[in-house]
Protein backbone atom coordinates (compact mmCIF):
# COMPACT_ATOMS: atom_id res chain seq x y z
CA UNK A 1 0.00 0.00 0.00
CA UNK A 2 1.32 3.42 -0.90
CA UNK A 3 1.64 6.39 1.42
CA UNK A 4 -0.79 8.23 -0.86
CA UNK A 5 -3.40 5.49 -0.50
CA UNK A 6 -2.94 5.30 3.28
CA UNK A 7 -3.32 9.09 3.60
CA UNK A 8 -6.43 9.02 1.41
CA UNK A 9 -7.91 6.25 3.56
CA UNK A 10 -7.21 8.22 6.76
CA UNK A 11 -8.80 11.30 5.20
CA UNK A 12 -11.86 9.25 4.18
CA UNK A 13 -12.29 8.02 7.76
CA UNK A 14 -12.17 11.63 8.98
CA UNK A 15 -14.69 12.64 6.31
CA UNK A 16 -17.14 9.95 7.42
CA UNK A 17 -16.91 11.37 10.94
CA UNK A 18 -17.21 14.94 9.68
CA UNK A 19 -20.41 14.25 7.74
CA UNK A 20 -21.92 12.63 10.83
CA UNK A 21 -20.77 15.46 13.11
CA UNK A 22 -22.11 18.20 10.86
CA UNK A 23 -25.49 16.45 10.88
CA UNK A 24 -25.44 16.72 14.66
CA UNK A 25 -24.25 20.33 14.56
CA UNK A 26 -27.00 21.33 12.16
CA UNK A 27 -29.58 19.50 14.22
CA UNK A 28 -29.20 21.77 17.25
CA UNK A 29 -28.95 25.12 15.48
CA UNK A 30 -31.93 27.34 14.79
CA UNK A 31 -32.93 27.09 11.12
CA UNK A 32 -32.36 30.23 9.12
CA UNK A 33 -29.45 31.47 11.23
CA UNK A 34 -25.98 32.15 9.88
CA UNK A 35 -24.67 29.28 11.99
CA UNK A 36 -27.18 26.85 10.48
CA UNK A 37 -26.12 28.01 7.02
CA UNK A 38 -22.45 27.41 7.92
CA UNK A 39 -23.33 23.97 9.23
CA UNK A 40 -25.12 23.09 5.99
CA UNK A 41 -22.17 24.38 3.96
CA UNK A 42 -19.80 22.28 6.07
CA UNK A 43 -21.98 19.22 5.71
CA UNK A 44 -22.15 19.58 1.94
CA UNK A 45 -18.40 20.24 1.60
CA UNK A 46 -17.46 17.21 3.67
CA UNK A 47 -19.96 15.00 1.89
CA UNK A 48 -18.49 16.01 -1.47
CA UNK A 49 -14.95 15.34 -0.19
CA UNK A 50 -16.02 11.97 1.15
CA UNK A 51 -17.40 11.03 -2.25
CA UNK A 52 -14.25 12.28 -4.03
CA UNK A 53 -11.99 10.37 -1.64
CA UNK A 54 -13.93 7.16 -2.28
CA UNK A 55 -13.20 7.63 -6.00
CA UNK A 56 -9.53 8.43 -5.32
CA UNK A 57 -9.11 5.33 -3.17
CA UNK A 58 -10.57 3.15 -5.91
CA UNK A 59 -8.32 4.82 -8.50
CA UNK A 60 -5.33 4.03 -6.28
CA UNK A 61 -6.36 0.37 -6.09
CA UNK A 62 -7.93 0.42 -2.65
CA UNK A 63 -11.38 -0.38 -1.36
CA UNK A 64 -13.10 2.54 0.41
CA UNK A 65 -14.47 1.67 3.82
CA UNK A 66 -18.10 2.60 4.42
CA UNK A 67 -19.16 4.94 7.17
CA UNK A 68 -20.05 3.55 10.55
CA UNK A 69 -23.73 3.84 11.52
CA UNK A 70 -22.77 6.35 14.21
CA UNK A 71 -19.78 7.95 15.91
CA UNK A 72 -19.02 8.81 19.51
CA UNK A 73 -18.88 12.56 19.95
CA UNK A 74 -16.31 14.11 22.30
CA UNK A 75 -19.03 15.90 24.29
CA UNK A 76 -22.79 16.38 24.22
CA UNK A 77 -24.01 18.83 21.57
CA UNK A 78 -27.02 20.63 23.00
CA UNK A 79 -26.74 24.27 21.94
CA UNK A 80 -25.01 26.67 19.55
CA UNK A 81 -21.88 26.89 21.70
CA UNK A 82 -21.33 23.13 21.91
CA UNK A 83 -22.18 22.83 18.19
CA UNK A 84 -19.47 25.38 17.36
CA UNK A 85 -16.95 23.48 19.50
CA UNK A 86 -17.71 20.27 17.61
CA UNK A 87 -17.46 22.05 14.24
CA UNK A 88 -14.06 23.50 15.22
CA UNK A 89 -12.88 20.04 16.21
CA UNK A 90 -14.11 18.58 12.92
CA UNK A 91 -12.21 21.19 10.93
CA UNK A 92 -9.07 20.77 13.05
CA UNK A 93 -9.08 16.99 12.53
CA UNK A 94 -9.82 17.48 8.84
CA UNK A 95 -6.90 19.89 8.47
CA UNK A 96 -4.55 17.32 9.99
CA UNK A 97 -5.79 14.64 7.57
CA UNK A 98 -5.48 16.99 4.59
CA UNK A 99 -1.98 18.08 5.61
CA UNK A 100 -0.97 14.41 5.67
CA UNK A 101 -2.57 13.93 2.26
CA UNK A 102 -0.69 16.95 0.88
CA UNK A 103 2.57 15.47 2.14
CA UNK A 104 1.84 12.03 0.71
CA UNK A 105 0.36 12.86 -2.68
CA UNK A 106 1.41 14.31 -6.00
CA UNK A 107 -0.19 16.02 -8.97
CA UNK A 108 -3.89 16.79 -9.02
CA UNK A 109 -4.63 15.04 -5.72
CA UNK A 110 -2.03 17.18 -3.98
CA UNK A 111 -3.55 20.35 -5.44
CA UNK A 112 -7.01 19.25 -4.32
CA UNK A 113 -5.72 18.41 -0.83
CA UNK A 114 -4.14 21.86 -0.53
CA UNK A 115 -7.51 23.40 -1.33
CA UNK A 116 -9.23 21.18 1.23
CA UNK A 117 -6.62 22.09 3.86
CA UNK A 118 -7.14 25.79 3.18
CA UNK A 119 -10.91 25.38 3.39
CA UNK A 120 -10.70 23.45 6.67
CA UNK A 121 -8.53 26.17 8.21
CA UNK A 122 -10.87 28.90 6.99
CA UNK A 123 -14.02 27.06 8.01
CA UNK A 124 -12.52 26.43 11.46
CA UNK A 125 -11.92 30.16 11.84
CA UNK A 126 -15.56 30.81 10.96
CA UNK A 127 -16.51 28.61 13.94
CA UNK A 128 -14.21 30.55 16.27
CA UNK A 129 -10.96 28.58 16.06
CA UNK A 130 -7.76 30.46 16.81
CA UNK A 131 -5.59 31.10 13.76
CA UNK A 132 -2.40 29.06 13.47
CA UNK A 133 0.68 29.53 11.33
CA UNK A 134 0.52 26.07 9.78
CA UNK A 135 -2.97 24.54 9.98
CA UNK A 136 -2.96 20.78 10.17
CA UNK A 137 0.62 20.50 11.33
CA UNK A 138 0.00 19.93 15.00
CA UNK A 139 -1.29 17.02 17.04
CA UNK A 140 -5.03 16.47 17.12
CA UNK A 141 -6.66 16.47 20.53
CA UNK A 142 -9.06 13.63 21.16
C-alpha atoms as a PDB file:
ATOM      1  CA  UNK A   1       0.000   0.000   0.000  1.00  0.00           C
ATOM      2  CA  UNK A   2       1.323   3.422  -0.899  1.00  0.00           C
ATOM      3  CA  UNK A   3       1.637   6.394   1.424  1.00  0.00           C
ATOM      4  CA  UNK A   4      -0.791   8.231  -0.855  1.00  0.00           C
ATOM      5  CA  UNK A   5      -3.404   5.486  -0.499  1.00  0.00           C
ATOM      6  CA  UNK A   6      -2.935   5.304   3.281  1.00  0.00           C
ATOM      7  CA  UNK A   7      -3.323   9.089   3.600  1.00  0.00           C
ATOM      8  CA  UNK A   8      -6.431   9.025   1.410  1.00  0.00           C
ATOM      9  CA  UNK A   9      -7.915   6.247   3.559  1.00  0.00           C
ATOM     10  CA  UNK A  10      -7.210   8.221   6.761  1.00  0.00           C
ATOM     11  CA  UNK A  11      -8.805  11.303   5.199  1.00  0.00           C
ATOM     12  CA  UNK A  12     -11.862   9.253   4.185  1.00  0.00           C
ATOM     13  CA  UNK A  13     -12.287   8.020   7.759  1.00  0.00           C
ATOM     14  CA  UNK A  14     -12.171  11.630   8.975  1.00  0.00           C
ATOM     15  CA  UNK A  15     -14.691  12.641   6.310  1.00  0.00           C
ATOM     16  CA  UNK A  16     -17.135   9.949   7.422  1.00  0.00           C
ATOM     17  CA  UNK A  17     -16.908  11.365  10.944  1.00  0.00           C
ATOM     18  CA  UNK A  18     -17.213  14.943   9.676  1.00  0.00           C
ATOM     19  CA  UNK A  19     -20.410  14.247   7.743  1.00  0.00           C
ATOM     20  CA  UNK A  20     -21.917  12.635  10.828  1.00  0.00           C
ATOM     21  CA  UNK A  21     -20.775  15.464  13.105  1.00  0.00           C
ATOM     22  CA  UNK A  22     -22.114  18.205  10.865  1.00  0.00           C
ATOM     23  CA  UNK A  23     -25.486  16.450  10.881  1.00  0.00           C
ATOM     24  CA  UNK A  24     -25.445  16.720  14.661  1.00  0.00           C
ATOM     25  CA  UNK A  25     -24.249  20.335  14.556  1.00  0.00           C
ATOM     26  CA  UNK A  26     -27.001  21.333  12.158  1.00  0.00           C
ATOM     27  CA  UNK A  27     -29.582  19.501  14.220  1.00  0.00           C
ATOM     28  CA  UNK A  28     -29.199  21.767  17.251  1.00  0.00           C
ATOM     29  CA  UNK A  29     -28.954  25.119  15.476  1.00  0.00           C
ATOM     30  CA  UNK A  30     -31.935  27.342  14.794  1.00  0.00           C
ATOM     31  CA  UNK A  31     -32.933  27.089  11.119  1.00  0.00           C
ATOM     32  CA  UNK A  32     -32.362  30.234   9.116  1.00  0.00           C
ATOM     33  CA  UNK A  33     -29.454  31.471  11.229  1.00  0.00           C
ATOM     34  CA  UNK A  34     -25.985  32.152   9.875  1.00  0.00           C
ATOM     35  CA  UNK A  35     -24.675  29.275  11.990  1.00  0.00           C
ATOM     36  CA  UNK A  36     -27.184  26.854  10.482  1.00  0.00           C
ATOM     37  CA  UNK A  37     -26.117  28.009   7.021  1.00  0.00           C
ATOM     38  CA  UNK A  38     -22.453  27.415   7.920  1.00  0.00           C
ATOM     39  CA  UNK A  39     -23.334  23.967   9.227  1.00  0.00           C
ATOM     40  CA  UNK A  40     -25.119  23.089   5.990  1.00  0.00           C
ATOM     41  CA  UNK A  41     -22.172  24.383   3.957  1.00  0.00           C
ATOM     42  CA  UNK A  42     -19.801  22.280   6.069  1.00  0.00           C
ATOM     43  CA  UNK A  43     -21.983  19.218   5.715  1.00  0.00           C
ATOM     44  CA  UNK A  44     -22.150  19.576   1.941  1.00  0.00           C
ATOM     45  CA  UNK A  45     -18.401  20.245   1.604  1.00  0.00           C
ATOM     46  CA  UNK A  46     -17.455  17.214   3.667  1.00  0.00           C
ATOM     47  CA  UNK A  47     -19.964  15.002   1.890  1.00  0.00           C
ATOM     48  CA  UNK A  48     -18.487  16.012  -1.472  1.00  0.00           C
ATOM     49  CA  UNK A  49     -14.952  15.340  -0.188  1.00  0.00           C
ATOM     50  CA  UNK A  50     -16.018  11.971   1.153  1.00  0.00           C
ATOM     51  CA  UNK A  51     -17.396  11.034  -2.249  1.00  0.00           C
ATOM     52  CA  UNK A  52     -14.252  12.285  -4.027  1.00  0.00           C
ATOM     53  CA  UNK A  53     -11.993  10.370  -1.643  1.00  0.00           C
ATOM     54  CA  UNK A  54     -13.927   7.164  -2.277  1.00  0.00           C
ATOM     55  CA  UNK A  55     -13.196   7.628  -6.001  1.00  0.00           C
ATOM     56  CA  UNK A  56      -9.534   8.426  -5.318  1.00  0.00           C
ATOM     57  CA  UNK A  57      -9.107   5.325  -3.174  1.00  0.00           C
ATOM     58  CA  UNK A  58     -10.569   3.145  -5.912  1.00  0.00           C
ATOM     59  CA  UNK A  59      -8.320   4.819  -8.501  1.00  0.00           C
ATOM     60  CA  UNK A  60      -5.328   4.033  -6.276  1.00  0.00           C
ATOM     61  CA  UNK A  61      -6.357   0.369  -6.085  1.00  0.00           C
ATOM     62  CA  UNK A  62      -7.934   0.423  -2.645  1.00  0.00           C
ATOM     63  CA  UNK A  63     -11.382  -0.381  -1.364  1.00  0.00           C
ATOM     64  CA  UNK A  64     -13.101   2.540   0.414  1.00  0.00           C
ATOM     65  CA  UNK A  65     -14.466   1.673   3.821  1.00  0.00           C
ATOM     66  CA  UNK A  66     -18.096   2.598   4.420  1.00  0.00           C
ATOM     67  CA  UNK A  67     -19.156   4.941   7.171  1.00  0.00           C
ATOM     68  CA  UNK A  68     -20.053   3.550  10.553  1.00  0.00           C
ATOM     69  CA  UNK A  69     -23.730   3.836  11.525  1.00  0.00           C
ATOM     70  CA  UNK A  70     -22.770   6.350  14.207  1.00  0.00           C
ATOM     71  CA  UNK A  71     -19.777   7.950  15.906  1.00  0.00           C
ATOM     72  CA  UNK A  72     -19.017   8.815  19.513  1.00  0.00           C
ATOM     73  CA  UNK A  73     -18.880  12.563  19.949  1.00  0.00           C
ATOM     74  CA  UNK A  74     -16.311  14.107  22.303  1.00  0.00           C
ATOM     75  CA  UNK A  75     -19.035  15.900  24.294  1.00  0.00           C
ATOM     76  CA  UNK A  76     -22.792  16.376  24.217  1.00  0.00           C
ATOM     77  CA  UNK A  77     -24.011  18.830  21.570  1.00  0.00           C
ATOM     78  CA  UNK A  78     -27.018  20.634  22.998  1.00  0.00           C
ATOM     79  CA  UNK A  79     -26.745  24.273  21.938  1.00  0.00           C
ATOM     80  CA  UNK A  80     -25.008  26.674  19.553  1.00  0.00           C
ATOM     81  CA  UNK A  81     -21.884  26.885  21.703  1.00  0.00           C
ATOM     82  CA  UNK A  82     -21.329  23.127  21.907  1.00  0.00           C
ATOM     83  CA  UNK A  83     -22.175  22.829  18.191  1.00  0.00           C
ATOM     84  CA  UNK A  84     -19.471  25.382  17.361  1.00  0.00           C
ATOM     85  CA  UNK A  85     -16.947  23.476  19.504  1.00  0.00           C
ATOM     86  CA  UNK A  86     -17.711  20.272  17.606  1.00  0.00           C
ATOM     87  CA  UNK A  87     -17.460  22.046  14.237  1.00  0.00           C
ATOM     88  CA  UNK A  88     -14.059  23.498  15.224  1.00  0.00           C
ATOM     89  CA  UNK A  89     -12.878  20.039  16.215  1.00  0.00           C
ATOM     90  CA  UNK A  90     -14.107  18.581  12.922  1.00  0.00           C
ATOM     91  CA  UNK A  91     -12.212  21.189  10.931  1.00  0.00           C
ATOM     92  CA  UNK A  92      -9.073  20.766  13.051  1.00  0.00           C
ATOM     93  CA  UNK A  93      -9.079  16.994  12.532  1.00  0.00           C
ATOM     94  CA  UNK A  94      -9.822  17.485   8.844  1.00  0.00           C
ATOM     95  CA  UNK A  95      -6.901  19.893   8.471  1.00  0.00           C
ATOM     96  CA  UNK A  96      -4.546  17.317   9.990  1.00  0.00           C
ATOM     97  CA  UNK A  97      -5.794  14.642   7.567  1.00  0.00           C
ATOM     98  CA  UNK A  98      -5.483  16.989   4.586  1.00  0.00           C
ATOM     99  CA  UNK A  99      -1.981  18.082   5.607  1.00  0.00           C
ATOM    100  CA  UNK A 100      -0.972  14.406   5.674  1.00  0.00           C
ATOM    101  CA  UNK A 101      -2.573  13.930   2.265  1.00  0.00           C
ATOM    102  CA  UNK A 102      -0.686  16.950   0.885  1.00  0.00           C
ATOM    103  CA  UNK A 103       2.571  15.475   2.139  1.00  0.00           C
ATOM    104  CA  UNK A 104       1.840  12.030   0.708  1.00  0.00           C
ATOM    105  CA  UNK A 105       0.365  12.859  -2.675  1.00  0.00           C
ATOM    106  CA  UNK A 106       1.409  14.305  -6.001  1.00  0.00           C
ATOM    107  CA  UNK A 107      -0.191  16.025  -8.965  1.00  0.00           C
ATOM    108  CA  UNK A 108      -3.887  16.787  -9.022  1.00  0.00           C
ATOM    109  CA  UNK A 109      -4.628  15.040  -5.724  1.00  0.00           C
ATOM    110  CA  UNK A 110      -2.032  17.184  -3.978  1.00  0.00           C
ATOM    111  CA  UNK A 111      -3.547  20.349  -5.443  1.00  0.00           C
ATOM    112  CA  UNK A 112      -7.006  19.255  -4.322  1.00  0.00           C
ATOM    113  CA  UNK A 113      -5.722  18.405  -0.835  1.00  0.00           C
ATOM    114  CA  UNK A 114      -4.137  21.864  -0.532  1.00  0.00           C
ATOM    115  CA  UNK A 115      -7.514  23.404  -1.326  1.00  0.00           C
ATOM    116  CA  UNK A 116      -9.228  21.184   1.234  1.00  0.00           C
ATOM    117  CA  UNK A 117      -6.621  22.093   3.858  1.00  0.00           C
ATOM    118  CA  UNK A 118      -7.137  25.789   3.178  1.00  0.00           C
ATOM    119  CA  UNK A 119     -10.906  25.377   3.387  1.00  0.00           C
ATOM    120  CA  UNK A 120     -10.698  23.446   6.672  1.00  0.00           C
ATOM    121  CA  UNK A 121      -8.534  26.168   8.211  1.00  0.00           C
ATOM    122  CA  UNK A 122     -10.868  28.904   6.991  1.00  0.00           C
ATOM    123  CA  UNK A 123     -14.024  27.056   8.006  1.00  0.00           C
ATOM    124  CA  UNK A 124     -12.525  26.429  11.456  1.00  0.00           C
ATOM    125  CA  UNK A 125     -11.916  30.158  11.845  1.00  0.00           C
ATOM    126  CA  UNK A 126     -15.557  30.814  10.963  1.00  0.00           C
ATOM    127  CA  UNK A 127     -16.513  28.606  13.936  1.00  0.00           C
ATOM    128  CA  UNK A 128     -14.213  30.548  16.272  1.00  0.00           C
ATOM    129  CA  UNK A 129     -10.957  28.582  16.056  1.00  0.00           C
ATOM    130  CA  UNK A 130      -7.759  30.458  16.809  1.00  0.00           C
ATOM    131  CA  UNK A 131      -5.586  31.098  13.758  1.00  0.00           C
ATOM    132  CA  UNK A 132      -2.397  29.059  13.474  1.00  0.00           C
ATOM    133  CA  UNK A 133       0.678  29.531  11.330  1.00  0.00           C
ATOM    134  CA  UNK A 134       0.519  26.068   9.779  1.00  0.00           C
ATOM    135  CA  UNK A 135      -2.975  24.536   9.984  1.00  0.00           C
ATOM    136  CA  UNK A 136      -2.964  20.778  10.167  1.00  0.00           C
ATOM    137  CA  UNK A 137       0.623  20.501  11.329  1.00  0.00           C
ATOM    138  CA  UNK A 138      -0.001  19.935  15.001  1.00  0.00           C
ATOM    139  CA  UNK A 139      -1.287  17.023  17.044  1.00  0.00           C
ATOM    140  CA  UNK A 140      -5.029  16.472  17.125  1.00  0.00           C
ATOM    141  CA  UNK A 141      -6.661  16.466  20.531  1.00  0.00           C
ATOM    142  CA  UNK A 142      -9.064  13.635  21.163  1.00  0.00           C
END
